[in-house]
Structures are given as C-alpha cells and as structure tokens.
C-alpha atoms as a PDB file:
ATOM      1  CA  UNK A   1       0.090   0.348   0.116  1.00  0.00           C
ATOM      2  CA  UNK A   2       3.037   2.328   0.817  1.00  0.00           C
ATOM      3  CA  UNK A   3       5.040   1.783  -2.049  1.00  0.00           C
ATOM      4  CA  UNK A   4       1.790   2.359  -4.586  1.00  0.00           C
ATOM      5  CA  UNK A   5       1.404   5.451  -3.001  1.00  0.00           C
ATOM      6  CA  UNK A   6       5.277   6.210  -2.932  1.00  0.00           C
ATOM      7  CA  UNK A   7       4.755   5.539  -6.667  1.00  0.00           C
ATOM      8  CA  UNK A   8       1.647   7.816  -7.244  1.00  0.00           C
ATOM      9  CA  UNK A   9       3.687  11.060  -5.778  1.00  0.00           C
ATOM     10  CA  UNK A  10       4.837  12.629  -8.385  1.00  0.00           C
ATOM     11  CA  UNK A  11       8.254  14.367  -8.525  1.00  0.00           C
ATOM     12  CA  UNK A  12      12.029  13.259  -7.317  1.00  0.00           C
ATOM     13  CA  UNK A  13      12.519  11.562  -4.239  1.00  0.00           C
ATOM     14  CA  UNK A  14      13.316  14.553  -2.023  1.00  0.00           C
ATOM     15  CA  UNK A  15       9.935  15.708  -2.999  1.00  0.00           C
ATOM     16  CA  UNK A  16       8.644  12.475  -2.467  1.00  0.00           C
ATOM     17  CA  UNK A  17       9.136  12.847   1.216  1.00  0.00           C
ATOM     18  CA  UNK A  18       8.409  15.779   1.525  1.00  0.00           C
ATOM     19  CA  UNK A  19       4.748  14.999  -0.236  1.00  0.00           C
ATOM     20  CA  UNK A  20       4.430  12.026   2.367  1.00  0.00           C
ATOM     21  CA  UNK A  21       4.672  13.885   5.697  1.00  0.00           C
ATOM     22  CA  UNK A  22       3.124  16.442   4.500  1.00  0.00           C
ATOM     23  CA  UNK A  23      -0.428  13.825   4.071  1.00  0.00           C
ATOM     24  CA  UNK A  24       0.689  12.391   7.202  1.00  0.00           C
ATOM     25  CA  UNK A  25       0.608  15.660   9.201  1.00  0.00           C
ATOM     26  CA  UNK A  26      -3.368  16.205   7.541  1.00  0.00           C
ATOM     27  CA  UNK A  27      -3.877  12.959   8.424  1.00  0.00           C
ATOM     28  CA  UNK A  28      -2.542  14.041  11.718  1.00  0.00           C
ATOM     29  CA  UNK A  29      -4.682  17.390  11.676  1.00  0.00           C
ATOM     30  CA  UNK A  30      -7.892  16.055  10.795  1.00  0.00           C
ATOM     31  CA  UNK A  31      -7.975  13.068  13.616  1.00  0.00           C
ATOM     32  CA  UNK A  32      -7.022  15.441  16.415  1.00  0.00           C
ATOM     33  CA  UNK A  33      -9.261  17.659  15.402  1.00  0.00           C
ATOM     34  CA  UNK A  34     -12.740  15.740  14.306  1.00  0.00           C
ATOM     35  CA  UNK A  35     -12.425  11.682  14.841  1.00  0.00           C
ATOM     36  CA  UNK A  36     -11.112  11.636  18.247  1.00  0.00           C
ATOM     37  CA  UNK A  37     -13.252  14.798  19.615  1.00  0.00           C
ATOM     38  CA  UNK A  38     -16.324  13.507  17.730  1.00  0.00           C
ATOM     39  CA  UNK A  39     -15.791   9.686  19.326  1.00  0.00           C
ATOM     40  CA  UNK A  40     -14.285  10.583  22.410  1.00  0.00           C
ATOM     41  CA  UNK A  41     -17.456  10.599  24.137  1.00  0.00           C
ATOM     42  CA  UNK A  42     -18.279   7.309  22.965  1.00  0.00           C
ATOM     43  CA  UNK A  43     -14.976   5.218  24.729  1.00  0.00           C
ATOM     44  CA  UNK A  44     -15.451   4.625  28.478  1.00  0.00           C
ATOM     45  CA  UNK A  45     -12.495   6.441  30.171  1.00  0.00           C
ATOM     46  CA  UNK A  46     -15.070   7.442  33.026  1.00  0.00           C
ATOM     47  CA  UNK A  47     -15.609   4.235  34.133  1.00  0.00           C
ATOM     48  CA  UNK A  48     -13.128   4.041  37.424  1.00  0.00           C
ATOM     49  CA  UNK A  49     -13.755   0.754  38.492  1.00  0.00           C
ATOM     50  CA  UNK A  50     -10.773   1.149  41.156  1.00  0.00           C
ATOM     51  CA  UNK A  51     -11.678   2.219  44.525  1.00  0.00           C
ATOM     52  CA  UNK A  52     -14.778   1.502  44.518  1.00  0.00           C
END
C-alpha cells in the first residue's frame, strides 16, 4: 500500500518525501480535530472501578 502511494506521488525522491510528510501531517490534524473529539464521548474512560 505504501509502495503504491510512493509511486503515485509526483517528483523526485526529496519531493516525494516532503509530500508524504505533508500527507501524514494532514491525516494527523484531521484525526486530532475531527475524529477523536467525535469518538471520545463513546469511549469508556470515565468508568473507573478502582477504589469503590
């Protein structure tokens, strides 16, 4: 999968590396700002069973 993505990116190796880093950064930004906050209320992190 990563090899196919690498072949699809245009330019020389240094530009492909830069483009790949930008894509990773964009995915992380989307996850941190949209996906994780939307899923957080559904996670059972508030269900503490120690000390009861």
